[in-house]
Protein backbone atom coordinates (compact mmCIF):
# COMPACT_ATOMS: atom_id res chain seq x y z
CA MET A 1 -0.03 -0.03 -0.01
CA ASP A 2 1.29 3.51 -0.90
CA LYS A 3 1.89 5.67 2.20
CA ILE A 4 1.45 8.72 0.08
CA ILE A 5 -1.45 8.95 -2.43
CA ILE A 6 -1.17 11.71 -4.97
CA SER A 7 -2.81 12.07 -8.36
CA GLU A 8 -0.88 13.43 -11.38
CA GLU A 9 -2.96 16.62 -11.27
CA ALA A 10 -2.13 17.09 -7.50
CA TYR A 11 1.53 16.31 -8.09
CA LYS A 12 1.78 18.97 -10.86
CA GLU A 13 0.02 21.52 -8.67
CA PHE A 14 2.21 20.75 -5.67
CA LYS A 15 5.43 20.81 -7.67
CA GLU A 16 4.42 24.20 -9.21
CA PHE A 17 3.76 25.43 -5.66
CA LEU A 18 7.27 24.29 -4.66
CA ASP A 19 8.84 26.01 -7.69
CA GLU A 20 6.92 29.22 -7.28
CA ASN A 21 8.25 29.41 -3.67
CA GLU A 22 11.81 28.73 -4.91
CA VAL A 23 12.04 25.45 -3.04
CA ASP A 24 15.03 23.59 -4.53
CA ASN A 25 15.17 20.67 -2.06
CA TYR A 26 12.31 18.35 -2.92
CA SER A 27 12.58 16.43 0.33
CA ILE A 28 9.28 17.26 1.97
CA ARG A 29 8.40 16.28 5.51
CA ILE A 30 4.78 15.79 6.56
CA ASN A 31 4.25 16.85 10.20
CA LEU A 32 1.44 16.68 12.61
CA ALA A 33 0.63 20.35 13.52
CA GLY A 34 -1.96 19.59 16.19
CA PHE A 35 -5.62 18.88 16.66
CA GLY A 36 -8.58 21.15 16.28
CA CYS A 37 -12.39 21.06 15.95
CA SER A 38 -12.05 19.24 12.57
CA GLY A 39 -9.45 16.69 13.81
CA PRO A 40 -5.73 16.50 13.10
CA ALA A 41 -4.01 19.21 11.11
CA PHE A 42 -0.90 18.62 9.09
CA ASN A 43 1.86 20.80 7.59
CA ILE A 44 4.87 20.37 5.44
CA THR A 45 8.43 21.49 5.79
CA VAL A 46 11.62 20.92 3.81
CA ASP A 47 13.64 18.35 5.69
CA ASP A 48 15.71 15.30 5.01
CA ALA A 49 14.90 11.83 6.22
CA LYS A 50 16.15 10.76 9.67
CA GLU A 51 16.17 7.48 11.55
CA GLY A 52 12.58 6.30 12.17
CA ASP A 53 11.16 7.97 8.99
CA ILE A 54 9.49 6.46 6.03
CA THR A 55 10.12 7.96 2.61
CA HIS A 56 8.05 7.66 -0.49
CA LYS A 57 9.31 9.11 -3.75
CA VAL A 58 6.72 10.57 -6.33
CA ASN A 59 8.60 11.62 -9.44
CA ASP A 60 11.00 14.38 -8.22
CA VAL A 61 9.61 14.78 -4.73
CA VAL A 62 10.51 12.68 -1.78
CA PHE A 63 7.90 12.72 1.03
CA VAL A 64 9.20 12.03 4.50
CA VAL A 65 7.01 11.03 7.40
CA GLU A 66 7.74 9.68 10.87
CA GLU A 67 6.84 5.99 10.95
CA LYS A 68 4.58 6.49 13.99
CA LEU A 69 2.44 8.96 11.97
CA VAL A 70 2.12 6.53 9.08
CA ASP A 71 1.12 3.78 11.62
CA GLU A 72 -1.52 6.13 13.25
CA PHE A 73 -2.94 7.65 10.10
CA GLY A 74 -2.23 4.96 7.51
CA GLY A 75 -0.39 7.39 5.29
CA PHE A 76 -1.48 10.59 3.57
CA LYS A 77 -3.25 11.76 0.44
CA LEU A 78 -2.43 15.13 -1.20
CA LEU A 79 -5.44 16.58 -3.02
CA SER A 80 -5.32 19.18 -5.79
CA THR A 81 -7.45 22.20 -5.74
CA GLU A 82 -9.98 20.54 -8.00
CA GLU A 83 -10.04 17.32 -5.93
CA ASN A 84 -10.50 19.49 -2.78
CA GLU A 85 -13.61 21.13 -4.21
CA GLY A 86 -11.84 24.41 -5.12
CA ARG A 87 -10.33 24.96 -1.63
CA GLY A 88 -6.61 24.66 -2.61
CA LEU A 89 -4.11 21.89 -2.11
CA SER A 90 -4.97 19.80 0.86
CA LEU A 91 -3.17 17.10 2.85
CA LYS A 92 -5.38 14.53 4.61
CA PRO A 93 -4.76 11.28 6.51
CA ILE A 94 -5.82 8.05 4.91
CA ILE A 95 -7.32 6.93 8.27
CA GLU A 96 -9.53 9.73 9.71
CA SER A 97 -8.74 10.14 13.42
CA GLU A 98 -11.41 10.03 15.96
CA SER A 99 -9.62 12.83 17.92
CA GLY A 100 -10.96 16.28 17.45
CA GLY A 101 -14.54 17.03 16.56
CA CYS A 102 -16.89 19.46 18.35
CA GLY A 103 -16.24 17.96 21.79
CA SER A 104 -12.60 18.97 21.62
CA CYS A 105 -13.44 22.65 21.46
CA GLY A 106 -16.10 22.81 24.02
CA GLY A 107 -19.03 22.12 21.64
CA GLY A 108 -18.67 25.47 19.81
CA CYS A 109 -18.74 23.87 16.38
CA HIS A 110 -22.09 23.85 14.49
């Protein structure tokens, strides 16, 4: 099973994003940024693989993720703007976490 799922369209959009931002090291780490009302949030940074990481190469880009995050979330899918209903590039876990939700923010979500 692929740990990173990305369509050709999403790959092209993501690569264009990296190039527009003058990123020349295509070793991209996926990080857990925290939990909110809608569950876990993830971000990306430019970083090389370390011990305990899993890497997955897609064309020119190497995605780096801590093995424990892959175990917990089953890997990640990167969606293009179109695949994300016009809301821009999005990074989502393959296994949706039960953490988060309205109970985690005092029930203020509607």
